[in-house]
Amino acid sequence: MSHRVDRDIDKIYPRQEFVAKLRRLADALETGKRFEISIGGERIRVPAGAVASIEHERGGDEEEIEFQLRWRNQAAGDKNASGR
């Protein structure tokens, strides 16, 4: 298993592409399936059991809403790994 490097990136997409990704995400969440997306050149696989949350931040004259998915990475060889 390759070592995963910590990272924190933001990727800005054209509106149509962003909407298409949200639709794919909504479909995966609704059907209980794994979601896959490429961000900054890395393929990310979000397991079906990921926890979804919405975050709101406000500071000065800016506000931000983040749709977040959180999960724990499975150890190599973990037989309980979800990923339908």
PDB file of N, CA and C in Angstrom:
ATOM      1  N   MET A   1       0.840  -1.185   0.000  1.00  0.00           N
ATOM      2  CA  MET A   1       0.000   0.000   0.000  1.00  0.00           C
ATOM      3  C   MET A   1       0.875   1.235   0.000  1.00  0.00           C
ATOM      4  N   SER A   2       0.561   2.204  -0.831  1.00  0.00           N
ATOM      5  CA  SER A   2       1.344   3.422  -0.896  1.00  0.00           C
ATOM      6  C   SER A   2       0.989   4.343   0.274  1.00  0.00           C
ATOM      7  N   HIS A   3       1.974   5.118   0.688  1.00  0.00           N
ATOM      8  CA  HIS A   3       1.779   6.057   1.792  1.00  0.00           C
ATOM      9  C   HIS A   3       0.950   7.246   1.299  1.00  0.00           C
ATOM     10  N   ARG A   4      -0.087   7.574   2.040  1.00  0.00           N
ATOM     11  CA  ARG A   4      -0.934   8.714   1.675  1.00  0.00           C
ATOM     12  C   ARG A   4      -0.403   9.969   2.339  1.00  0.00           C
ATOM     13  N   VAL A   5      -0.215  11.003   1.539  1.00  0.00           N
ATOM     14  CA  VAL A   5       0.289  12.280   2.019  1.00  0.00           C
ATOM     15  C   VAL A   5      -0.897  13.159   2.398  1.00  0.00           C
ATOM     16  N   ASP A   6      -0.803  13.837   3.551  1.00  0.00           N
ATOM     17  CA  ASP A   6      -1.856  14.776   3.934  1.00  0.00           C
ATOM     18  C   ASP A   6      -1.975  15.852   2.868  1.00  0.00           C
ATOM     19  N   ARG A   7      -3.203  16.305   2.633  1.00  0.00           N
ATOM     20  CA  ARG A   7      -3.409  17.391   1.674  1.00  0.00           C
ATOM     21  C   ARG A   7      -4.707  18.106   1.994  1.00  0.00           C
ATOM     22  N   ASP A   8      -4.806  19.345   1.548  1.00  0.00           N
ATOM     23  CA  ASP A   8      -5.990  20.174   1.738  1.00  0.00           C
ATOM     24  C   ASP A   8      -6.040  21.126   0.557  1.00  0.00           C
ATOM     25  N   ILE A   9      -6.859  20.795  -0.429  1.00  0.00           N
ATOM     26  CA  ILE A   9      -6.932  21.628  -1.628  1.00  0.00           C
ATOM     27  C   ILE A   9      -8.369  22.034  -1.892  1.00  0.00           C
ATOM     28  N   ASP A  10      -8.530  23.128  -2.578  1.00  0.00           N
ATOM     29  CA  ASP A  10      -9.824  23.574  -3.087  1.00  0.00           C
ATOM     30  C   ASP A  10      -9.722  23.565  -4.594  1.00  0.00           C
ATOM     31  N   LYS A  11     -10.753  23.092  -5.249  1.00  0.00           N
ATOM     32  CA  LYS A  11     -10.773  23.042  -6.713  1.00  0.00           C
ATOM     33  C   LYS A  11     -12.004  23.788  -7.187  1.00  0.00           C
ATOM     34  N   ILE A  12     -11.805  24.778  -8.026  1.00  0.00           N
ATOM     35  CA  ILE A  12     -12.918  25.554  -8.576  1.00  0.00           C
ATOM     36  C   ILE A  12     -13.284  24.968  -9.936  1.00  0.00           C
ATOM     37  N   TYR A  13     -14.585  24.684 -10.106  1.00  0.00           N
ATOM     38  CA  TYR A  13     -15.093  24.112 -11.354  1.00  0.00           C
ATOM     39  C   TYR A  13     -16.048  25.086 -12.022  1.00  0.00           C
ATOM     40  N   PRO A  14     -16.134  25.034 -13.353  1.00  0.00           N
ATOM     41  CA  PRO A  14     -17.195  25.790 -14.035  1.00  0.00           C
ATOM     42  C   PRO A  14     -18.546  25.299 -13.514  1.00  0.00           C
ATOM     43  N   ARG A  15     -19.522  26.169 -13.469  1.00  0.00           N
ATOM     44  CA  ARG A  15     -20.821  25.853 -12.863  1.00  0.00           C
ATOM     45  C   ARG A  15     -21.426  24.552 -13.415  1.00  0.00           C
ATOM     46  N   GLN A  16     -21.445  24.363 -14.734  1.00  0.00           N
ATOM     47  CA  GLN A  16     -22.055  23.152 -15.316  1.00  0.00           C
ATOM     48  C   GLN A  16     -21.363  21.884 -14.840  1.00  0.00           C
ATOM     49  N   GLU A  17     -20.040  21.921 -14.765  1.00  0.00           N
ATOM     50  CA  GLU A  17     -19.282  20.754 -14.321  1.00  0.00           C
ATOM     51  C   GLU A  17     -19.545  20.488 -12.834  1.00  0.00           C
ATOM     52  N   PHE A  18     -19.642  21.541 -12.034  1.00  0.00           N
ATOM     53  CA  PHE A  18     -19.943  21.415 -10.610  1.00  0.00           C
ATOM     54  C   PHE A  18     -21.319  20.785 -10.407  1.00  0.00           C
ATOM     55  N   VAL A  19     -22.301  21.248 -11.168  1.00  0.00           N
ATOM     56  CA  VAL A  19     -23.660  20.714 -11.072  1.00  0.00           C
ATOM     57  C   VAL A  19     -23.679  19.235 -11.441  1.00  0.00           C
ATOM     58  N   ALA A  20     -22.953  18.864 -12.488  1.00  0.00           N
ATOM     59  CA  ALA A  20     -22.900  17.459 -12.904  1.00  0.00           C
ATOM     60  C   ALA A  20     -22.302  16.582 -11.796  1.00  0.00           C
ATOM     61  N   LYS A  21     -21.260  17.075 -11.132  1.00  0.00           N
ATOM     62  CA  LYS A  21     -20.647  16.323 -10.038  1.00  0.00           C
ATOM     63  C   LYS A  21     -21.614  16.192  -8.863  1.00  0.00           C
ATOM     64  N   LEU A  22     -22.345  17.262  -8.552  1.00  0.00           N
ATOM     65  CA  LEU A  22     -23.334  17.196  -7.480  1.00  0.00           C
ATOM     66  C   LEU A  22     -24.430  16.185  -7.802  1.00  0.00           C
ATOM     67  N   ARG A  23     -24.854  16.133  -9.056  1.00  0.00           N
ATOM     68  CA  ARG A  23     -25.878  15.161  -9.457  1.00  0.00           C
ATOM     69  C   ARG A  23     -25.380  13.734  -9.285  1.00  0.00           C
ATOM     70  N   ARG A  24     -24.139  13.494  -9.697  1.00  0.00           N
ATOM     71  CA  ARG A  24     -23.568  12.148  -9.527  1.00  0.00           C
ATOM     72  C   ARG A  24     -23.472  11.787  -8.052  1.00  0.00           C
ATOM     73  N   LEU A  25     -23.059  12.772  -7.232  1.00  0.00           N
ATOM     74  CA  LEU A  25     -22.966  12.542  -5.794  1.00  0.00           C
ATOM     75  C   LEU A  25     -24.342  12.237  -5.211  1.00  0.00           C
ATOM     76  N   ALA A  26     -25.344  13.029  -5.575  1.00  0.00           N
ATOM     77  CA  ALA A  26     -26.702  12.812  -5.071  1.00  0.00           C
ATOM     78  C   ALA A  26     -27.200  11.419  -5.463  1.00  0.00           C
ATOM     79  N   ASP A  27     -26.946  11.007  -6.688  1.00  0.00           N
ATOM     80  CA  ASP A  27     -27.369   9.671  -7.139  1.00  0.00           C
ATOM     81  C   ASP A  27     -26.688   8.586  -6.311  1.00  0.00           C
ATOM     82  N   ALA A  28     -25.388   8.735  -6.048  1.00  0.00           N
ATOM     83  CA  ALA A  28     -24.656   7.741  -5.260  1.00  0.00           C
ATOM     84  C   ALA A  28     -25.193   7.680  -3.831  1.00  0.00           C
ATOM     85  N   LEU A  29     -25.432   8.840  -3.224  1.00  0.00           N
ATOM     86  CA  LEU A  29     -25.966   8.870  -1.864  1.00  0.00           C
ATOM     87  C   LEU A  29     -27.354   8.239  -1.806  1.00  0.00           C
ATOM     88  N   GLU A  30     -28.177   8.560  -2.778  1.00  0.00           N
ATOM     89  CA  GLU A  30     -29.550   8.064  -2.796  1.00  0.00           C
ATOM     90  C   GLU A  30     -29.616   6.549  -2.968  1.00  0.00           C
ATOM     91  N   THR A  31     -28.716   6.005  -3.759  1.00  0.00           N
ATOM     92  CA  THR A  31     -28.740   4.567  -4.041  1.00  0.00           C
ATOM     93  C   THR A  31     -27.813   3.766  -3.122  1.00  0.00           C
ATOM     94  N   GLY A  32     -27.093   4.461  -2.219  1.00  0.00           N
ATOM     95  CA  GLY A  32     -26.213   3.766  -1.285  1.00  0.00           C
ATOM     96  C   GLY A  32     -24.969   3.190  -1.917  1.00  0.00           C
ATOM     97  N   LYS A  33     -24.487   3.834  -2.973  1.00  0.00           N
ATOM     98  CA  LYS A  33     -23.294   3.350  -3.665  1.00  0.00           C
ATOM     99  C   LYS A  33     -22.087   4.238  -3.390  1.00  0.00           C
ATOM    100  N   ARG A  34     -20.920   3.684  -3.638  1.00  0.00           N
ATOM    101  CA  ARG A  34     -19.665   4.420  -3.515  1.00  0.00           C
ATOM    102  C   ARG A  34     -19.641   5.545  -4.555  1.00  0.00           C
ATOM    103  N   PHE A  35     -18.981   6.661  -4.216  1.00  0.00           N
ATOM    104  CA  PHE A  35     -18.837   7.803  -5.120  1.00  0.00           C
ATOM    105  C   PHE A  35     -17.362   7.978  -5.449  1.00  0.00           C
ATOM    106  N   GLU A  36     -17.062   8.161  -6.720  1.00  0.00           N
ATOM    107  CA  GLU A  36     -15.683   8.385  -7.145  1.00  0.00           C
ATOM    108  C   GLU A  36     -15.575   9.719  -7.843  1.00  0.00           C
ATOM    109  N   ILE A  37     -14.478  10.448  -7.533  1.00  0.00           N
ATOM    110  CA  ILE A  37     -14.253  11.758  -8.131  1.00  0.00           C
ATOM    111  C   ILE A  37     -12.746  11.994  -8.224  1.00  0.00           C
ATOM    112  N   SER A  38     -12.317  12.692  -9.258  1.00  0.00           N
ATOM    113  CA  SER A  38     -10.919  13.055  -9.403  1.00  0.00           C
ATOM    114  C   SER A  38     -10.764  14.517  -8.984  1.00  0.00           C
ATOM    115  N   ILE A  39      -9.872  14.756  -8.022  1.00  0.00           N
ATOM    116  CA  ILE A  39      -9.636  16.112  -7.528  1.00  0.00           C
ATOM    117  C   ILE A  39      -8.133  16.365  -7.509  1.00  0.00           C
ATOM    118  N   GLY A  40      -7.706  17.387  -8.219  1.00  0.00           N
ATOM    119  CA  GLY A  40      -6.289  17.734  -8.235  1.00  0.00           C
ATOM    120  C   GLY A  40      -5.399  16.602  -8.679  1.00  0.00           C
ATOM    121  N   GLY A  41      -5.874  15.808  -9.639  1.00  0.00           N
ATOM    122  CA  GLY A  41      -5.073  14.724 -10.195  1.00  0.00           C
ATOM    123  C   GLY A  41      -5.091  13.433  -9.391  1.00  0.00           C
ATOM    124  N   GLU A  42      -5.862  13.371  -8.321  1.00  0.00           N
ATOM    125  CA  GLU A  42      -5.959  12.157  -7.515  1.00  0.00           C
ATOM    126  C   GLU A  42      -7.384  11.620  -7.556  1.00  0.00           C
ATOM    127  N   ARG A  43      -7.499  10.325  -7.774  1.00  0.00           N
ATOM    128  CA  ARG A  43      -8.812   9.661  -7.792  1.00  0.00           C
ATOM    129  C   ARG A  43      -9.223   9.351  -6.355  1.00  0.00           C
ATOM    130  N   ILE A  44     -10.369   9.887  -5.931  1.00  0.00           N
ATOM    131  CA  ILE A  44     -10.864   9.706  -4.575  1.00  0.00           C
ATOM    132  C   ILE A  44     -12.069   8.773  -4.629  1.00  0.00           C
ATOM    133  N   ARG A  45     -12.066   7.768  -3.758  1.00  0.00           N
ATOM    134  CA  ARG A  45     -13.176   6.823  -3.663  1.00  0.00           C
ATOM    135  C   ARG A  45     -13.839   7.002  -2.305  1.00  0.00           C
ATOM    136  N   VAL A  46     -15.060   7.520  -2.326  1.00  0.00           N
ATOM    137  CA  VAL A  46     -15.820   7.774  -1.102  1.00  0.00           C
ATOM    138  C   VAL A  46     -16.715   6.567  -0.855  1.00  0.00           C
ATOM    139  N   PRO A  47     -16.533   5.881   0.271  1.00  0.00           N
ATOM    140  CA  PRO A  47     -17.351   4.694   0.528  1.00  0.00           C
ATOM    141  C   PRO A  47     -18.819   5.041   0.750  1.00  0.00           C
ATOM    142  N   ALA A  48     -19.678   4.078   0.504  1.00  0.00           N
ATOM    143  CA  ALA A  48     -21.124   4.283   0.646  1.00  0.00           C
ATOM    144  C   ALA A  48     -21.503   4.722   2.053  1.00  0.00           C
ATOM    145  N   GLY A  49     -20.749   4.318   3.058  1.00  0.00           N
ATOM    146  CA  GLY A  49     -21.079   4.641   4.440  1.00  0.00           C
ATOM    147  C   GLY A  49     -20.518   5.954   4.945  1.00  0.00           C
ATOM    148  N   ALA A  50     -19.978   6.785   4.071  1.00  0.00           N
ATOM    149  CA  ALA A  50     -19.421   8.074   4.498  1.00  0.00           C
ATOM    150  C   ALA A  50     -20.515   8.932   5.143  1.00  0.00           C
ATOM    151  N   VAL A  51     -20.126   9.733   6.124  1.00  0.00           N
ATOM    152  CA  VAL A  51     -21.056  10.616   6.824  1.00  0.00           C
ATOM    153  C   VAL A  51     -21.120  11.953   6.085  1.00  0.00           C
ATOM    154  N   ALA A  52     -22.329  12.393   5.767  1.00  0.00           N
ATOM    155  CA  ALA A  52     -22.528  13.656   5.047  1.00  0.00           C
ATOM    156  C   ALA A  52     -22.898  14.754   6.031  1.00  0.00           C
ATOM    157  N   SER A  53     -22.337  15.942   5.832  1.00  0.00           N
ATOM    158  CA  SER A  53     -22.681  17.090   6.663  1.00  0.00           C
ATOM    159  C   SER A  53     -22.611  18.358   5.816  1.00  0.00           C
ATOM    160  N   ILE A  54     -23.227  19.402   6.330  1.00  0.00           N
ATOM    161  CA  ILE A  54     -23.183  20.713   5.683  1.00  0.00           C
ATOM    162  C   ILE A  54     -22.637  21.701   6.704  1.00  0.00           C
ATOM    163  N   GLU A  55     -21.650  22.464   6.307  1.00  0.00           N
ATOM    164  CA  GLU A  55     -20.994  23.423   7.197  1.00  0.00           C
ATOM    165  C   GLU A  55     -21.207  24.833   6.673  1.00  0.00           C
ATOM    166  N   HIS A  56     -21.452  25.773   7.578  1.00  0.00           N
ATOM    167  CA  HIS A  56     -21.598  27.178   7.217  1.00  0.00           C
ATOM    168  C   HIS A  56     -20.566  27.979   7.995  1.00  0.00           C
ATOM    169  N   GLU A  57     -19.817  28.812   7.289  1.00  0.00           N
ATOM    170  CA  GLU A  57     -18.815  29.666   7.922  1.00  0.00           C
ATOM    171  C   GLU A  57     -19.099  31.109   7.545  1.00  0.00           C
ATOM    172  N   ARG A  58     -18.846  32.010   8.488  1.00  0.00           N
ATOM    173  CA  ARG A  58     -19.007  33.440   8.242  1.00  0.00           C
ATOM    174  C   ARG A  58     -17.830  34.157   8.880  1.00  0.00           C
ATOM    175  N   GLY A  59     -17.242  35.068   8.140  1.00  0.00           N
ATOM    176  CA  GLY A  59     -16.135  35.861   8.667  1.00  0.00           C
ATOM    177  C   GLY A  59     -16.010  37.140   7.870  1.00  0.00           C
ATOM    178  N   GLY A  60     -16.077  38.263   8.567  1.00  0.00           N
ATOM    179  CA  GLY A  60     -15.988  39.547   7.873  1.00  0.00           C
ATOM    180  C   GLY A  60     -17.112  39.689   6.879  1.00  0.00           C
ATOM    181  N   ASP A  61     -16.770  39.940   5.632  1.00  0.00           N
ATOM    182  CA  ASP A  61     -17.794  40.134   4.593  1.00  0.00           C
ATOM    183  C   ASP A  61     -17.975  38.912   3.699  1.00  0.00           C
ATOM    184  N   GLU A  62     -17.488  37.751   4.139  1.00  0.00           N
ATOM    185  CA  GLU A  62     -17.619  36.529   3.350  1.00  0.00           C
ATOM    186  C   GLU A  62     -18.383  35.448   4.105  1.00  0.00           C
ATOM    187  N   GLU A  63     -19.104  34.631   3.349  1.00  0.00           N
ATOM    188  CA  GLU A  63     -19.772  33.454   3.895  1.00  0.00           C
ATOM    189  C   GLU A  63     -19.448  32.268   3.003  1.00  0.00           C
ATOM    190  N   GLU A  64     -19.518  31.090   3.598  1.00  0.00           N
ATOM    191  CA  GLU A  64     -19.158  29.883   2.867  1.00  0.00           C
ATOM    192  C   GLU A  64     -20.032  28.727   3.338  1.00  0.00           C
ATOM    193  N   ILE A  65     -20.465  27.912   2.380  1.00  0.00           N
ATOM    194  CA  ILE A  65     -21.168  26.674   2.689  1.00  0.00           C
ATOM    195  C   ILE A  65     -20.338  25.538   2.103  1.00  0.00           C
ATOM    196  N   GLU A  66     -20.091  24.525   2.907  1.00  0.00           N
ATOM    197  CA  GLU A  66     -19.344  23.353   2.451  1.00  0.00           C
ATOM    198  C   GLU A  66     -20.193  22.109   2.636  1.00  0.00           C
ATOM    199  N   PHE A  67     -20.333  21.348   1.572  1.00  0.00           N
ATOM    200  CA  PHE A  67     -20.965  20.033   1.643  1.00  0.00           C
ATOM    201  C   PHE A  67     -19.820  19.058   1.859  1.00  0.00           C
ATOM    202  N   GLN A  68     -19.831  18.339   2.977  1.00  0.00           N
ATOM    203  CA  GLN A  68     -18.701  17.495   3.325  1.00  0.00           C
ATOM    204  C   GLN A  68     -19.100  16.036   3.451  1.00  0.00           C
ATOM    205  N   LEU A  69     -18.167  15.176   3.073  1.00  0.00           N
ATOM    206  CA  LEU A  69     -18.287  13.731   3.285  1.00  0.00           C
ATOM    207  C   LEU A  69     -17.068  13.311   4.082  1.00  0.00           C
ATOM    208  N   ARG A  70     -17.286  12.538   5.152  1.00  0.00           N
ATOM    209  CA  ARG A  70     -16.176  12.081   5.995  1.00  0.00           C
ATOM    210  C   ARG A  70     -16.228  10.570   6.146  1.00  0.00           C
ATOM    211  N   TRP A  71     -15.038   9.973   6.144  1.00  0.00           N
ATOM    212  CA  TRP A  71     -14.917   8.537   6.343  1.00  0.00           C
ATOM    213  C   TRP A  71     -13.502   8.238   6.813  1.00  0.00           C
ATOM    214  N   ARG A  72     -13.331   7.070   7.372  1.00  0.00           N
ATOM    215  CA  ARG A  72     -12.001   6.612   7.775  1.00  0.00           C
ATOM    216  C   ARG A  72     -11.445   5.739   6.664  1.00  0.00           C
ATOM    217  N   ASN A  73     -10.163   5.919   6.384  1.00  0.00           N
ATOM    218  CA  ASN A  73      -9.512   5.067   5.389  1.00  0.00           C
ATOM    219  C   ASN A  73      -9.359   3.675   5.959  1.00  0.00           C
ATOM    220  N   GLN A  74      -9.645   2.673   5.147  1.00  0.00           N
ATOM    221  CA  GLN A  74      -9.548   1.275   5.565  1.00  0.00           C
ATOM    222  C   GLN A  74      -8.101   0.823   5.455  1.00  0.00           C
ATOM    223  N   ALA A  75      -7.674   0.022   6.415  1.00  0.00           N
ATOM    224  CA  ALA A  75      -6.327  -0.554   6.380  1.00  0.00           C
ATOM    225  C   ALA A  75      -6.248  -1.560   5.245  1.00  0.00           C
ATOM    226  N   ALA A  76      -5.064  -1.740   4.709  1.00  0.00           N
ATOM    227  CA  ALA A  76      -4.873  -2.721   3.638  1.00  0.00           C
ATOM    228  C   ALA A  76      -5.290  -4.092   4.133  1.00  0.00           C
ATOM    229  N   GLY A  77      -6.077  -4.774   3.347  1.00  0.00           N
ATOM    230  CA  GLY A  77      -6.489  -6.122   3.685  1.00  0.00           C
ATOM    231  C   GLY A  77      -7.659  -6.173   4.641  1.00  0.00           C
ATOM    232  N   ASP A  78      -8.226  -5.034   5.004  1.00  0.00           N
ATOM    233  CA  ASP A  78      -9.378  -5.019   5.917  1.00  0.00           C
ATOM    234  C   ASP A  78     -10.571  -5.636   5.210  1.00  0.00           C
ATOM    235  N   LYS A  79     -11.078  -6.735   5.736  1.00  0.00           N
ATOM    236  CA  LYS A  79     -12.161  -7.453   5.085  1.00  0.00           C
ATOM    237  C   LYS A  79     -13.500  -6.765   5.262  1.00  0.00           C
ATOM    238  N   ASN A  80     -13.579  -5.754   6.137  1.00  0.00           N
ATOM    239  CA  ASN A  80     -14.845  -5.043   6.349  1.00  0.00           C
ATOM    240  C   ASN A  80     -14.922  -3.753   5.534  1.00  0.00           C
ATOM    241  N   ALA A  81     -14.000  -3.550   4.621  1.00  0.00           N
ATOM    242  CA  ALA A  81     -14.009  -2.326   3.818  1.00  0.00           C
ATOM    243  C   ALA A  81     -15.275  -2.257   2.987  1.00  0.00           C
ATOM    244  N   SER A  82     -15.934  -1.118   3.041  1.00  0.00           N
ATOM    245  CA  SER A  82     -17.145  -0.952   2.224  1.00  0.00           C
ATOM    246  C   SER A  82     -16.764  -0.279   0.930  1.00  0.00           C
ATOM    247  N   GLY A  83     -17.451  -0.578  -0.103  1.00  0.00           N
ATOM    248  CA  GLY A  83     -17.183   0.015  -1.405  1.00  0.00           C
ATOM    249  C   GLY A  83     -17.916  -0.758  -2.452  1.00  0.00           C
ATOM    250  N   ARG A  84     -19.202  -0.663  -2.387  1.00  0.00           N
ATOM    251  CA  ARG A  84     -20.060  -1.445  -3.287  1.00  0.00           C
ATOM    252  C   ARG A  84     -19.796  -1.151  -4.718  1.00  0.00           C
TER     253      ARG A  84
END
